[in-house]
Amino acid sequence: MGSREAFESKTTANGELFLRVDMPGVEAKDVKVVAKGWEVRFFDKARKRGHDLDGPEYMGSVSLLPMTILKRKVEHEVKDGVLRMVVPPA
């Protein structure tokens, strides 16, 4: 059984960092993930364009000191309102 929390992070057996964030109602095309330096940021870019400003807003960041992240290496997918990110080991 998976985690019941809205956010989960764990290190896999091969040293990757796995991050999961619940973002109910958000589609893959509306999620942006930005990795720079030691930080991975994620947010729902659709809310900024839409008319429903009373709806939920999803955004956050994870600092991975002292690990430097290369943007091209952070993989992510959104399925059924769940953002999953994988950061490979340094």
Protein backbone atom coordinates (compact mmCIF):
# COMPACT_ATOMS: atom_id res chain seq x y z
CA MET A 1 0.00 0.00 0.00
CA GLY A 2 1.32 3.46 -0.91
CA SER A 3 1.70 6.55 1.22
CA ARG A 4 -1.43 8.40 2.32
CA GLU A 5 0.41 11.73 2.51
CA ALA A 6 0.13 14.39 -0.22
CA PHE A 7 3.93 14.36 -0.62
CA GLU A 8 6.36 11.46 -0.55
CA SER A 9 10.11 11.22 -1.05
CA LYS A 10 12.40 8.24 -0.87
CA THR A 11 15.71 7.00 -2.17
CA THR A 12 15.48 3.96 -4.41
CA ALA A 13 17.79 0.93 -4.28
CA ASN A 14 19.89 2.34 -7.14
CA GLY A 15 20.35 5.75 -5.45
CA GLU A 16 17.72 7.76 -7.33
CA LEU A 17 15.54 10.20 -5.41
CA PHE A 18 11.85 9.56 -6.02
CA LEU A 19 9.38 12.39 -5.30
CA ARG A 20 5.59 12.13 -5.47
CA VAL A 21 3.19 15.07 -5.09
CA ASP A 22 -0.60 14.82 -5.20
CA MET A 23 -2.08 17.53 -7.44
CA PRO A 24 -5.76 16.54 -7.84
CA GLY A 25 -7.42 17.76 -11.00
CA VAL A 26 -4.17 18.89 -12.63
CA GLU A 27 -3.29 17.56 -16.07
CA ALA A 28 0.22 16.75 -17.30
CA LYS A 29 0.17 19.65 -19.78
CA ASP A 30 -0.41 22.08 -16.90
CA VAL A 31 2.55 21.06 -14.72
CA LYS A 32 5.95 22.66 -14.98
CA VAL A 33 9.07 21.24 -13.31
CA VAL A 34 12.20 23.38 -13.14
CA ALA A 35 15.54 22.13 -11.81
CA LYS A 36 18.34 24.56 -11.11
CA GLY A 37 21.35 24.35 -8.86
CA TRP A 38 20.29 22.38 -5.79
CA GLU A 39 16.55 22.81 -6.13
CA VAL A 40 13.64 21.23 -7.98
CA ARG A 41 10.54 23.45 -8.27
CA PHE A 42 7.13 22.38 -9.48
CA PHE A 43 3.89 24.24 -10.05
CA ASP A 44 0.51 24.19 -11.75
CA LYS A 45 0.85 26.69 -14.58
CA ALA A 46 -2.80 26.42 -15.69
CA ARG A 47 -4.19 28.20 -12.65
CA LYS A 48 -2.30 31.35 -13.58
CA ARG A 49 -4.08 31.46 -16.96
CA GLY A 50 -7.53 30.41 -15.90
CA HIS A 51 -10.50 32.27 -14.56
CA ASP A 52 -10.97 30.08 -11.48
CA LEU A 53 -8.65 31.85 -9.07
CA ASP A 54 -10.55 30.37 -6.12
CA GLY A 55 -9.41 26.83 -6.98
CA PRO A 56 -6.43 25.10 -5.41
CA GLU A 57 -2.93 26.24 -6.29
CA TYR A 58 -0.16 23.67 -6.38
CA MET A 59 3.48 24.66 -6.10
CA GLY A 60 6.51 23.73 -4.13
CA SER A 61 10.21 23.09 -4.12
CA VAL A 62 12.65 20.53 -2.83
CA SER A 63 16.23 21.46 -1.93
CA LEU A 64 18.75 18.70 -2.45
CA LEU A 65 21.88 20.09 -0.84
CA PRO A 66 24.69 19.44 -1.62
CA MET A 67 23.65 17.59 -4.78
CA THR A 68 23.76 19.67 -7.96
CA ILE A 69 20.91 18.84 -10.34
CA LEU A 70 21.17 18.95 -14.09
CA LYS A 71 17.85 19.98 -15.62
CA ARG A 72 18.01 17.37 -18.36
CA LYS A 73 18.26 14.58 -15.80
CA VAL A 74 15.12 15.22 -13.74
CA GLU A 75 12.41 12.99 -15.17
CA HIS A 76 8.77 13.66 -14.35
CA GLU A 77 5.30 12.51 -15.28
CA VAL A 78 1.77 13.37 -14.22
CA LYS A 79 -0.91 10.71 -14.19
CA ASP A 80 -4.31 10.90 -12.50
CA GLY A 81 -3.38 14.11 -10.67
CA VAL A 82 -0.13 12.73 -9.24
CA LEU A 83 3.25 14.27 -10.13
CA ARG A 84 6.14 11.80 -9.97
CA MET A 85 9.75 12.99 -10.30
CA VAL A 86 12.98 11.00 -10.38
CA VAL A 87 16.35 12.64 -9.70
CA PRO A 88 19.28 10.36 -10.58
CA PRO A 89 22.23 10.04 -8.20
CA ALA A 90 25.03 12.59 -8.61
